[in-house]
PDB file of N, CA and C in Angstrom:
ATOM      1  N   UNK A   1     117.112 154.196  56.923  1.00  0.00           N
ATOM      2  CA  UNK A   1     116.409 155.313  56.329  1.00  0.00           C
ATOM      3  C   UNK A   1     115.108 154.812  55.720  1.00  0.00           C
ATOM      4  N   UNK A   2     114.036 155.574  55.913  1.00  0.00           N
ATOM      5  CA  UNK A   2     112.757 155.191  55.342  1.00  0.00           C
ATOM      6  C   UNK A   2     112.683 155.649  53.896  1.00  0.00           C
ATOM      7  N   UNK A   3     112.602 154.704  53.008  1.00  0.00           N
ATOM      8  CA  UNK A   3     112.476 155.058  51.602  1.00  0.00           C
ATOM      9  C   UNK A   3     111.245 154.423  50.991  1.00  0.00           C
ATOM     10  N   UNK A   4     110.610 153.543  51.720  1.00  0.00           N
ATOM     11  CA  UNK A   4     109.431 152.860  51.212  1.00  0.00           C
ATOM     12  C   UNK A   4     108.211 153.708  51.546  1.00  0.00           C
ATOM     13  N   UNK A   5     107.425 154.026  50.521  1.00  0.00           N
ATOM     14  CA  UNK A   5     106.269 154.910  50.680  1.00  0.00           C
ATOM     15  C   UNK A   5     105.315 154.475  51.792  1.00  0.00           C
ATOM     16  N   UNK A   6     104.963 153.188  51.901  1.00  0.00           N
ATOM     17  CA  UNK A   6     104.047 152.810  52.988  1.00  0.00           C
ATOM     18  C   UNK A   6     104.592 153.137  54.377  1.00  0.00           C
ATOM     19  N   UNK A   7     105.899 152.980  54.575  1.00  0.00           N
ATOM     20  CA  UNK A   7     106.485 153.305  55.878  1.00  0.00           C
ATOM     21  C   UNK A   7     106.387 154.796  56.154  1.00  0.00           C
ATOM     22  N   UNK A   8     106.598 155.591  55.138  1.00  0.00           N
ATOM     23  CA  UNK A   8     106.497 157.042  55.296  1.00  0.00           C
ATOM     24  C   UNK A   8     105.063 157.433  55.617  1.00  0.00           C
ATOM     25  N   UNK A   9     104.105 156.800  54.956  1.00  0.00           N
ATOM     26  CA  UNK A   9     102.691 157.083  55.224  1.00  0.00           C
ATOM     27  C   UNK A   9     102.315 156.714  56.657  1.00  0.00           C
ATOM     28  N   UNK A  10     102.840 155.605  57.138  1.00  0.00           N
ATOM     29  CA  UNK A  10     102.562 155.184  58.518  1.00  0.00           C
ATOM     30  C   UNK A  10     103.112 156.217  59.496  1.00  0.00           C
ATOM     31  N   UNK A  11     104.323 156.676  59.254  1.00  0.00           N
ATOM     32  CA  UNK A  11     104.909 157.702  60.125  1.00  0.00           C
ATOM     33  C   UNK A  11     104.109 158.999  60.065  1.00  0.00           C
ATOM     34  N   UNK A  12     103.646 159.365  58.890  1.00  0.00           N
ATOM     35  CA  UNK A  12     102.846 160.588  58.743  1.00  0.00           C
ATOM     36  C   UNK A  12     101.534 160.462  59.508  1.00  0.00           C
ATOM     37  N   UNK A  13     100.890 159.290  59.434  1.00  0.00           N
ATOM     38  CA  UNK A  13      99.648 159.076  60.184  1.00  0.00           C
ATOM     39  C   UNK A  13      99.909 159.178  61.678  1.00  0.00           C
ATOM     40  N   UNK A  14     101.011 158.604  62.132  1.00  0.00           N
ATOM     41  CA  UNK A  14     101.383 158.664  63.545  1.00  0.00           C
ATOM     42  C   UNK A  14     101.596 160.119  63.958  1.00  0.00           C
ATOM     43  N   UNK A  15     102.267 160.879  63.113  1.00  0.00           N
ATOM     44  CA  UNK A  15     102.490 162.299  63.387  1.00  0.00           C
ATOM     45  C   UNK A  15     101.192 163.076  63.471  1.00  0.00           C
ATOM     46  N   UNK A  16     100.265 162.797  62.560  1.00  0.00           N
ATOM     47  CA  UNK A  16      98.963 163.486  62.600  1.00  0.00           C
ATOM     48  C   UNK A  16      98.213 163.138  63.879  1.00  0.00           C
ATOM     49  N   UNK A  17      98.305 161.881  64.291  1.00  0.00           N
ATOM     50  CA  UNK A  17      97.628 161.472  65.526  1.00  0.00           C
ATOM     51  C   UNK A  17      98.213 162.204  66.726  1.00  0.00           C
ATOM     52  N   UNK A  18      99.524 162.385  66.737  1.00  0.00           N
ATOM     53  CA  UNK A  18     100.183 163.063  67.857  1.00  0.00           C
ATOM     54  C   UNK A  18     100.071 164.581  67.782  1.00  0.00           C
ATOM     55  N   UNK A  19      99.580 165.096  66.672  1.00  0.00           N
ATOM     56  CA  UNK A  19      99.502 166.548  66.490  1.00  0.00           C
ATOM     57  C   UNK A  19      98.454 167.195  67.388  1.00  0.00           C
ATOM     58  N   UNK A  20      97.561 166.407  67.946  1.00  0.00           N
ATOM     59  CA  UNK A  20      96.515 166.956  68.807  1.00  0.00           C
ATOM     60  C   UNK A  20      96.815 166.610  70.267  1.00  0.00           C
ATOM     61  N   UNK A  21      96.838 167.612  71.147  1.00  0.00           N
ATOM     62  CA  UNK A  21      97.153 167.342  72.559  1.00  0.00           C
ATOM     63  C   UNK A  21      96.205 166.352  73.228  1.00  0.00           C
ATOM     64  N   UNK A  22      94.934 166.376  72.862  1.00  0.00           N
ATOM     65  CA  UNK A  22      93.993 165.434  73.483  1.00  0.00           C
ATOM     66  C   UNK A  22      94.331 164.009  73.065  1.00  0.00           C
ATOM     67  N   UNK A  23      94.640 163.813  71.796  1.00  0.00           N
ATOM     68  CA  UNK A  23      95.006 162.466  71.350  1.00  0.00           C
ATOM     69  C   UNK A  23      96.291 162.001  72.033  1.00  0.00           C
ATOM     70  N   UNK A  24      97.221 162.909  72.241  1.00  0.00           N
ATOM     71  CA  UNK A  24      98.442 162.548  72.985  1.00  0.00           C
ATOM     72  C   UNK A  24      98.089 162.103  74.394  1.00  0.00           C
ATOM     73  N   UNK A  25      97.204 162.837  75.035  1.00  0.00           N
ATOM     74  CA  UNK A  25      96.806 162.486  76.397  1.00  0.00           C
ATOM     75  C   UNK A  25      96.096 161.134  76.431  1.00  0.00           C
ATOM     76  N   UNK A  26      95.266 160.860  75.415  1.00  0.00           N
ATOM     77  CA  UNK A  26      94.587 159.564  75.339  1.00  0.00           C
ATOM     78  C   UNK A  26      95.617 158.446  75.209  1.00  0.00           C
ATOM     79  N   UNK A  27      96.559 158.619  74.300  1.00  0.00           N
ATOM     80  CA  UNK A  27      97.586 157.588  74.102  1.00  0.00           C
ATOM     81  C   UNK A  27      98.401 157.358  75.370  1.00  0.00           C
ATOM     82  N   UNK A  28      98.751 158.432  76.049  1.00  0.00           N
ATOM     83  CA  UNK A  28      99.525 158.285  77.287  1.00  0.00           C
ATOM     84  C   UNK A  28      98.702 157.602  78.376  1.00  0.00           C
ATOM     85  N   UNK A  29      97.407 157.905  78.431  1.00  0.00           N
ATOM     86  CA  UNK A  29      96.539 157.242  79.414  1.00  0.00           C
ATOM     87  C   UNK A  29      96.417 155.755  79.094  1.00  0.00           C
ATOM     88  N   UNK A  30      96.246 155.428  77.818  1.00  0.00           N
ATOM     89  CA  UNK A  30      96.122 154.024  77.431  1.00  0.00           C
ATOM     90  C   UNK A  30      97.448 153.280  77.558  1.00  0.00           C
ATOM     91  N   UNK A  31      98.539 154.012  77.546  1.00  0.00           N
ATOM     92  CA  UNK A  31      99.845 153.396  77.782  1.00  0.00           C
ATOM     93  C   UNK A  31      99.885 152.812  79.195  1.00  0.00           C
ATOM     94  N   UNK A  32      99.217 153.496  80.116  1.00  0.00           N
ATOM     95  CA  UNK A  32      99.182 153.030  81.507  1.00  0.00           C
ATOM     96  C   UNK A  32      98.308 151.792  81.668  1.00  0.00           C
ATOM     97  N   UNK A  33      97.129 151.804  81.013  1.00  0.00           N
ATOM     98  CA  UNK A  33      96.201 150.678  81.138  1.00  0.00           C
ATOM     99  C   UNK A  33      95.041 150.856  80.164  1.00  0.00           C
ATOM    100  N   UNK A  34      94.460 149.750  79.703  1.00  0.00           N
ATOM    101  CA  UNK A  34      93.252 149.857  78.881  1.00  0.00           C
ATOM    102  C   UNK A  34      92.160 150.562  79.680  1.00  0.00           C
ATOM    103  N   UNK A  35      91.217 151.179  78.968  1.00  0.00           N
ATOM    104  CA  UNK A  35      90.168 151.918  79.672  1.00  0.00           C
ATOM    105  C   UNK A  35      88.897 151.984  78.837  1.00  0.00           C
ATOM    106  N   UNK A  36      87.801 152.216  79.534  1.00  0.00           N
ATOM    107  CA  UNK A  36      86.506 152.434  78.890  1.00  0.00           C
ATOM    108  C   UNK A  36      86.363 153.929  78.600  1.00  0.00           C
ATOM    109  N   UNK A  37      85.605 154.288  77.559  1.00  0.00           N
ATOM    110  CA  UNK A  37      85.459 155.702  77.206  1.00  0.00           C
ATOM    111  C   UNK A  37      84.989 156.597  78.357  1.00  0.00           C
ATOM    112  N   UNK A  38      84.045 156.132  79.148  1.00  0.00           N
ATOM    113  CA  UNK A  38      83.555 156.965  80.253  1.00  0.00           C
ATOM    114  C   UNK A  38      84.684 157.294  81.226  1.00  0.00           C
ATOM    115  N   UNK A  39      85.525 156.314  81.514  1.00  0.00           N
ATOM    116  CA  UNK A  39      86.661 156.536  82.419  1.00  0.00           C
ATOM    117  C   UNK A  39      87.663 157.507  81.806  1.00  0.00           C
ATOM    118  N   UNK A  40      87.952 157.312  80.514  1.00  0.00           N
ATOM    119  CA  UNK A  40      88.897 158.199  79.835  1.00  0.00           C
ATOM    120  C   UNK A  40      88.384 159.632  79.808  1.00  0.00           C
ATOM    121  N   UNK A  41      87.102 159.796  79.482  1.00  0.00           N
ATOM    122  CA  UNK A  41      86.525 161.144  79.410  1.00  0.00           C
ATOM    123  C   UNK A  41      86.634 161.841  80.755  1.00  0.00           C
ATOM    124  N   UNK A  42      86.344 161.111  81.822  1.00  0.00           N
ATOM    125  CA  UNK A  42      86.430 161.699  83.160  1.00  0.00           C
ATOM    126  C   UNK A  42      87.881 162.027  83.517  1.00  0.00           C
ATOM    127  N   UNK A  43      88.776 161.107  83.257  1.00  0.00           N
ATOM    128  CA  UNK A  43      90.195 161.314  83.558  1.00  0.00           C
ATOM    129  C   UNK A  43      90.750 162.524  82.817  1.00  0.00           C
ATOM    130  N   UNK A  44      90.369 162.659  81.544  1.00  0.00           N
ATOM    131  CA  UNK A  44      90.902 163.735  80.707  1.00  0.00           C
ATOM    132  C   UNK A  44      90.108 165.033  80.828  1.00  0.00           C
ATOM    133  N   UNK A  45      88.938 164.953  81.450  1.00  0.00           N
ATOM    134  CA  UNK A  45      88.118 166.155  81.616  1.00  0.00           C
ATOM    135  C   UNK A  45      87.521 166.666  80.315  1.00  0.00           C
ATOM    136  N   UNK A  46      87.119 165.739  79.443  1.00  0.00           N
ATOM    137  CA  UNK A  46      86.486 166.134  78.181  1.00  0.00           C
ATOM    138  C   UNK A  46      85.168 165.391  78.027  1.00  0.00           C
ATOM    139  N   UNK A  47      84.324 165.866  77.120  1.00  0.00           N
ATOM    140  CA  UNK A  47      83.033 165.216  76.901  1.00  0.00           C
ATOM    141  C   UNK A  47      83.241 163.868  76.218  1.00  0.00           C
ATOM    142  N   UNK A  48      82.277 162.982  76.405  1.00  0.00           N
ATOM    143  CA  UNK A  48      82.375 161.663  75.777  1.00  0.00           C
ATOM    144  C   UNK A  48      82.286 161.776  74.264  1.00  0.00           C
ATOM    145  N   UNK A  49      81.530 162.755  73.778  1.00  0.00           N
ATOM    146  CA  UNK A  49      81.425 162.959  72.331  1.00  0.00           C
ATOM    147  C   UNK A  49      82.775 163.348  71.749  1.00  0.00           C
ATOM    148  N   UNK A  50      83.426 164.292  72.397  1.00  0.00           N
ATOM    149  CA  UNK A  50      84.746 164.731  71.931  1.00  0.00           C
ATOM    150  C   UNK A  50      85.742 163.577  71.997  1.00  0.00           C
ATOM    151  N   UNK A  51      85.703 162.825  73.089  1.00  0.00           N
ATOM    152  CA  UNK A  51      86.583 161.674  73.239  1.00  0.00           C
ATOM    153  C   UNK A  51      86.325 160.657  72.137  1.00  0.00           C
ATOM    154  N   UNK A  52      85.059 160.403  71.854  1.00  0.00           N
ATOM    155  CA  UNK A  52      84.695 159.437  70.825  1.00  0.00           C
ATOM    156  C   UNK A  52      85.291 159.808  69.473  1.00  0.00           C
ATOM    157  N   UNK A  53      85.250 161.089  69.134  1.00  0.00           N
ATOM    158  CA  UNK A  53      85.829 161.545  67.864  1.00  0.00           C
ATOM    159  C   UNK A  53      87.334 161.297  67.827  1.00  0.00           C
ATOM    160  N   UNK A  54      88.006 161.568  68.928  1.00  0.00           N
ATOM    161  CA  UNK A  54      89.456 161.358  68.982  1.00  0.00           C
ATOM    162  C   UNK A  54      89.803 159.869  68.968  1.00  0.00           C
ATOM    163  N   UNK A  55      89.015 159.054  69.657  1.00  0.00           N
ATOM    164  CA  UNK A  55      89.255 157.612  69.634  1.00  0.00           C
ATOM    165  C   UNK A  55      89.069 157.056  68.226  1.00  0.00           C
ATOM    166  N   UNK A  56      88.077 157.569  67.504  1.00  0.00           N
ATOM    167  CA  UNK A  56      87.860 157.127  66.121  1.00  0.00           C
ATOM    168  C   UNK A  56      89.080 157.445  65.265  1.00  0.00           C
ATOM    169  N   UNK A  57      89.644 158.620  65.453  1.00  0.00           N
ATOM    170  CA  UNK A  57      90.848 159.006  64.714  1.00  0.00           C
ATOM    171  C   UNK A  57      91.998 158.064  65.045  1.00  0.00           C
ATOM    172  N   UNK A  58      92.195 157.800  66.316  1.00  0.00           N
ATOM    173  CA  UNK A  58      93.288 156.922  66.739  1.00  0.00           C
ATOM    174  C   UNK A  58      93.077 155.488  66.252  1.00  0.00           C
ATOM    175  N   UNK A  59      91.822 155.061  66.220  1.00  0.00           N
ATOM    176  CA  UNK A  59      91.499 153.729  65.697  1.00  0.00           C
ATOM    177  C   UNK A  59      91.799 153.667  64.197  1.00  0.00           C
ATOM    178  N   UNK A  60      91.373 154.718  63.475  1.00  0.00           N
ATOM    179  CA  UNK A  60      91.609 154.766  62.029  1.00  0.00           C
ATOM    180  C   UNK A  60      93.100 154.794  61.703  1.00  0.00           C
ATOM    181  N   UNK A  61      93.891 155.388  62.582  1.00  0.00           N
ATOM    182  CA  UNK A  61      95.348 155.431  62.389  1.00  0.00           C
ATOM    183  C   UNK A  61      96.008 154.111  62.775  1.00  0.00           C
ATOM    184  N   UNK A  62      95.244 153.210  63.388  1.00  0.00           N
ATOM    185  CA  UNK A  62      95.793 151.923  63.787  1.00  0.00           C
ATOM    186  C   UNK A  62      96.553 151.948  65.094  1.00  0.00           C
ATOM    187  N   UNK A  63      96.373 153.018  65.872  1.00  0.00           N
ATOM    188  CA  UNK A  63      97.120 153.142  67.127  1.00  0.00           C
ATOM    189  C   UNK A  63      96.392 152.546  68.321  1.00  0.00           C
ATOM    190  N   UNK A  64      95.067 152.511  68.276  1.00  0.00           N
ATOM    191  CA  UNK A  64      94.294 151.903  69.354  1.00  0.00           C
ATOM    192  C   UNK A  64      93.322 150.896  68.760  1.00  0.00           C
ATOM    193  N   UNK A  65      92.930 149.958  69.587  1.00  0.00           N
ATOM    194  CA  UNK A  65      91.918 148.975  69.208  1.00  0.00           C
ATOM    195  C   UNK A  65      90.850 148.967  70.289  1.00  0.00           C
ATOM    196  N   UNK A  66      89.661 148.547  69.884  1.00  0.00           N
ATOM    197  CA  UNK A  66      88.565 148.446  70.843  1.00  0.00           C
ATOM    198  C   UNK A  66      88.138 146.989  70.944  1.00  0.00           C
ATOM    199  N   UNK A  67      87.657 146.635  72.122  1.00  0.00           N
ATOM    200  CA  UNK A  67      87.187 145.273  72.355  1.00  0.00           C
ATOM    201  C   UNK A  67      85.937 145.339  73.218  1.00  0.00           C
ATOM    202  N   UNK A  68      84.878 144.636  72.806  1.00  0.00           N
ATOM    203  CA  UNK A  68      83.678 144.624  73.640  1.00  0.00           C
ATOM    204  C   UNK A  68      83.928 143.839  74.924  1.00  0.00           C
ATOM    205  N   UNK A  69      83.472 144.420  76.009  1.00  0.00           N
ATOM    206  CA  UNK A  69      83.551 143.758  77.313  1.00  0.00           C
ATOM    207  C   UNK A  69      82.155 143.871  77.911  1.00  0.00           C
ATOM    208  N   UNK A  70      81.383 142.800  77.761  1.00  0.00           N
ATOM    209  CA  UNK A  70      79.990 142.873  78.175  1.00  0.00           C
ATOM    210  C   UNK A  70      79.254 143.876  77.300  1.00  0.00           C
ATOM    211  N   UNK A  71      78.600 144.832  77.929  1.00  0.00           N
ATOM    212  CA  UNK A  71      77.864 145.860  77.190  1.00  0.00           C
ATOM    213  C   UNK A  71      78.708 147.101  76.944  1.00  0.00           C
ATOM    214  N   UNK A  72      79.944 147.078  77.353  1.00  0.00           N
ATOM    215  CA  UNK A  72      80.827 148.240  77.211  1.00  0.00           C
ATOM    216  C   UNK A  72      81.954 147.926  76.232  1.00  0.00           C
ATOM    217  N   UNK A  73      82.649 148.964  75.841  1.00  0.00           N
ATOM    218  CA  UNK A  73      83.793 148.816  74.947  1.00  0.00           C
ATOM    219  C   UNK A  73      85.037 149.303  75.663  1.00  0.00           C
ATOM    220  N   UNK A  74      86.085 148.511  75.576  1.00  0.00           N
ATOM    221  CA  UNK A  74      87.352 148.875  76.200  1.00  0.00           C
ATOM    222  C   UNK A  74      88.353 149.217  75.099  1.00  0.00           C
ATOM    223  N   UNK A  75      89.140 150.256  75.330  1.00  0.00           N
ATOM    224  CA  UNK A  75      90.168 150.675  74.378  1.00  0.00           C
ATOM    225  C   UNK A  75      91.544 150.402  74.959  1.00  0.00           C
ATOM    226  N   UNK A  76      92.465 150.071  74.063  1.00  0.00           N
ATOM    227  CA  UNK A  76      93.854 149.867  74.468  1.00  0.00           C
ATOM    228  C   UNK A  76      94.753 150.165  73.278  1.00  0.00           C
ATOM    229  N   UNK A  77      96.032 150.311  73.557  1.00  0.00           N
ATOM    230  CA  UNK A  77      96.991 150.512  72.474  1.00  0.00           C
ATOM    231  C   UNK A  77      96.972 149.278  71.577  1.00  0.00           C
ATOM    232  N   UNK A  78      97.117 149.490  70.287  1.00  0.00           N
ATOM    233  CA  UNK A  78      97.066 148.385  69.335  1.00  0.00           C
ATOM    234  C   UNK A  78      98.222 147.409  69.524  1.00  0.00           C
ATOM    235  N   UNK A  79      99.320 147.888  70.072  1.00  0.00           N
ATOM    236  CA  UNK A  79     100.505 147.052  70.272  1.00  0.00           C
ATOM    237  C   UNK A  79     101.279 147.620  71.457  1.00  0.00           C
ATOM    238  N   UNK A  80     101.744 146.752  72.330  1.00  0.00           N
ATOM    239  CA  UNK A  80     102.487 147.203  73.519  1.00  0.00           C
ATOM    240  C   UNK A  80     103.726 148.006  73.137  1.00  0.00           C
ATOM    241  N   UNK A  81     104.295 147.733  71.964  1.00  0.00           N
ATOM    242  CA  UNK A  81     105.486 148.479  71.526  1.00  0.00           C
ATOM    243  C   UNK A  81     105.189 149.963  71.347  1.00  0.00           C
ATOM    244  N   UNK A  82     103.925 150.303  71.092  1.00  0.00           N
ATOM    245  CA  UNK A  82     103.561 151.719  70.975  1.00  0.00           C
ATOM    246  C   UNK A  82     103.788 152.451  72.291  1.00  0.00           C
ATOM    247  N   UNK A  83     103.514 151.795  73.400  1.00  0.00           N
ATOM    248  CA  UNK A  83     103.757 152.407  74.706  1.00  0.00           C
ATOM    249  C   UNK A  83     105.224 152.718  74.903  1.00  0.00           C
ATOM    250  N   UNK A  84     106.081 151.776  74.526  1.00  0.00           N
ATOM    251  CA  UNK A  84     107.532 151.994  74.635  1.00  0.00           C
ATOM    252  C   UNK A  84     107.973 153.104  73.680  1.00  0.00           C
ATOM    253  N   UNK A  85     107.405 153.101  72.477  1.00  0.00           N
ATOM    254  CA  UNK A  85     107.757 154.140  71.499  1.00  0.00           C
ATOM    255  C   UNK A  85     107.341 155.517  72.005  1.00  0.00           C
ATOM    256  N   UNK A  86     106.168 155.601  72.631  1.00  0.00           N
ATOM    257  CA  UNK A  86     105.716 156.881  73.188  1.00  0.00           C
ATOM    258  C   UNK A  86     106.659 157.357  74.287  1.00  0.00           C
ATOM    259  N   UNK A  87     107.082 156.438  75.142  1.00  0.00           N
ATOM    260  CA  UNK A  87     108.033 156.799  76.205  1.00  0.00           C
ATOM    261  C   UNK A  87     109.337 157.318  75.614  1.00  0.00           C
ATOM    262  N   UNK A  88     109.871 156.587  74.636  1.00  0.00           N
ATOM    263  CA  UNK A  88     111.129 156.994  74.006  1.00  0.00           C
ATOM    264  C   UNK A  88     110.986 158.330  73.290  1.00  0.00           C
ATOM    265  N   UNK A  89     109.888 158.494  72.566  1.00  0.00           N
ATOM    266  CA  UNK A  89     109.661 159.738  71.833  1.00  0.00           C
ATOM    267  C   UNK A  89     109.524 160.917  72.788  1.00  0.00           C
ATOM    268  N   UNK A  90     108.776 160.721  73.862  1.00  0.00           N
ATOM    269  CA  UNK A  90     108.593 161.799  74.839  1.00  0.00           C
ATOM    270  C   UNK A  90     109.931 162.195  75.460  1.00  0.00           C
ATOM    271  N   UNK A  91     110.741 161.220  75.821  1.00  0.00           N
ATOM    272  CA  UNK A  91     112.060 161.503  76.394  1.00  0.00           C
ATOM    273  C   UNK A  91     112.925 162.280  75.411  1.00  0.00           C
ATOM    274  N   UNK A  92     112.947 161.839  74.167  1.00  0.00           N
ATOM    275  CA  UNK A  92     113.767 162.504  73.149  1.00  0.00           C
ATOM    276  C   UNK A  92     113.273 163.918  72.872  1.00  0.00           C
ATOM    277  N   UNK A  93     111.975 164.088  72.739  1.00  0.00           N
ATOM    278  CA  UNK A  93     111.420 165.408  72.420  1.00  0.00           C
ATOM    279  C   UNK A  93     111.668 166.393  73.557  1.00  0.00           C
ATOM    280  N   UNK A  94     111.503 165.946  74.791  1.00  0.00           N
ATOM    281  CA  UNK A  94     111.755 166.825  75.937  1.00  0.00           C
ATOM    282  C   UNK A  94     113.228 167.233  75.972  1.00  0.00           C
ATOM    283  N   UNK A  95     114.134 166.296  75.711  1.00  0.00           N
ATOM    284  CA  UNK A  95     115.569 166.609  75.713  1.00  0.00           C
ATOM    285  C   UNK A  95     115.918 167.577  74.591  1.00  0.00           C
ATOM    286  N   UNK A  96     115.394 167.339  73.410  1.00  0.00           N
ATOM    287  CA  UNK A  96     115.670 168.222  72.271  1.00  0.00           C
ATOM    288  C   UNK A  96     115.091 169.607  72.519  1.00  0.00           C
ATOM    289  N   UNK A  97     113.879 169.663  73.084  1.00  0.00           N
ATOM    290  CA  UNK A  97     113.253 170.959  73.368  1.00  0.00           C
ATOM    291  C   UNK A  97     114.079 171.743  74.379  1.00  0.00           C
ATOM    292  N   UNK A  98     114.609 171.060  75.389  1.00  0.00           N
ATOM    293  CA  UNK A  98     115.439 171.739  76.391  1.00  0.00           C
ATOM    294  C   UNK A  98     116.713 172.274  75.748  1.00  0.00           C
ATOM    295  N   UNK A  99     117.335 171.476  74.881  1.00  0.00           N
ATOM    296  CA  UNK A  99     118.542 171.928  74.177  1.00  0.00           C
ATOM    297  C   UNK A  99     118.235 173.119  73.275  1.00  0.00           C
ATOM    298  N   UNK A 100     117.113 173.053  72.573  1.00  0.00           N
ATOM    299  CA  UNK A 100     116.735 174.139  71.669  1.00  0.00           C
ATOM    300  C   UNK A 100     116.463 175.417  72.450  1.00  0.00           C
ATOM    301  N   UNK A 101     115.827 175.279  73.611  1.00  0.00           N
ATOM    302  CA  UNK A 101     115.542 176.456  74.433  1.00  0.00           C
ATOM    303  C   UNK A 101     116.839 177.101  74.914  1.00  0.00           C
ATOM    304  N   UNK A 102     117.797 176.278  75.328  1.00  0.00           N
ATOM    305  CA  UNK A 102     119.093 176.819  75.758  1.00  0.00           C
ATOM    306  C   UNK A 102     119.795 177.505  74.593  1.00  0.00           C
ATOM    307  N   UNK A 103     119.771 176.898  73.432  1.00  0.00           N
ATOM    308  CA  UNK A 103     120.413 177.485  72.248  1.00  0.00           C
ATOM    309  C   UNK A 103     119.764 178.802  71.885  1.00  0.00           C
ATOM    310  N   UNK A 104     118.453 178.856  71.945  1.00  0.00           N
ATOM    311  CA  UNK A 104     117.728 180.075  71.598  1.00  0.00           C
ATOM    312  C   UNK A 104     118.057 181.182  72.587  1.00  0.00           C
ATOM    313  N   UNK A 105     118.118 180.842  73.872  1.00  0.00           N
ATOM    314  CA  UNK A 105     118.458 181.836  74.890  1.00  0.00           C
ATOM    315  C   UNK A 105     119.866 182.365  74.663  1.00  0.00           C
ATOM    316  N   UNK A 106     120.804 181.477  74.364  1.00  0.00           N
ATOM    317  CA  UNK A 106     122.182 181.885  74.083  1.00  0.00           C
ATOM    318  C   UNK A 106     122.225 182.775  72.849  1.00  0.00           C
ATOM    319  N   UNK A 107     121.498 182.400  71.818  1.00  0.00           N
ATOM    320  CA  UNK A 107     121.489 183.179  70.577  1.00  0.00           C
ATOM    321  C   UNK A 107     120.919 184.575  70.809  1.00  0.00           C
ATOM    322  N   UNK A 108     119.891 184.676  71.639  1.00  0.00           N
ATOM    323  CA  UNK A 108     119.293 185.986  71.915  1.00  0.00           C
ATOM    324  C   UNK A 108     120.271 186.885  72.664  1.00  0.00           C
ATOM    325  N   UNK A 109     120.994 186.318  73.637  1.00  0.00           N
ATOM    326  CA  UNK A 109     121.930 187.142  74.410  1.00  0.00           C
ATOM    327  C   UNK A 109     123.128 187.565  73.571  1.00  0.00           C
ATOM    328  N   UNK A 110     123.470 186.763  72.576  1.00  0.00           N
ATOM    329  CA  UNK A 110     124.588 187.115  71.706  1.00  0.00           C
ATOM    330  C   UNK A 110     124.140 187.944  70.504  1.00  0.00           C
ATOM    331  N   UNK A 111     122.828 188.156  70.403  1.00  0.00           N
ATOM    332  CA  UNK A 111     122.294 189.023  69.356  1.00  0.00           C
ATOM    333  C   UNK A 111     122.265 188.443  67.958  1.00  0.00           C
ATOM    334  N   UNK A 112     122.234 187.125  67.840  1.00  0.00           N
ATOM    335  CA  UNK A 112     122.217 186.561  66.487  1.00  0.00           C
ATOM    336  C   UNK A 112     120.822 186.153  66.025  1.00  0.00           C
ATOM    337  N   UNK A 113     119.840 186.217  66.869  1.00  0.00           N
ATOM    338  CA  UNK A 113     118.467 185.884  66.450  1.00  0.00           C
ATOM    339  C   UNK A 113     117.566 187.093  66.548  1.00  0.00           C
TER     340      UNK A 113
END
């Protein structure tokens, strides 16, 4: 159980980072491989300015790091364990959402919601 305030703050920051669909897409893309902003913007179909703002947020949360490569900057997950955590979280959330949807449908047909 998390009882230490810094651990709770870290989880809250992670939650805020995941609260935006674009940031989720960035994290999932970086889970596959490090990338340059221009590539990410094209892959995600968003402007480089918008991407830059989201990358800054993810950097401030400690989820991604940047590294200069020649005249360009490459972004990657701050730790490979984040990729595994994202996979596990996505699997769990999808399973829970499916269960909740079934429960809600059952509740509606039985007239309790």
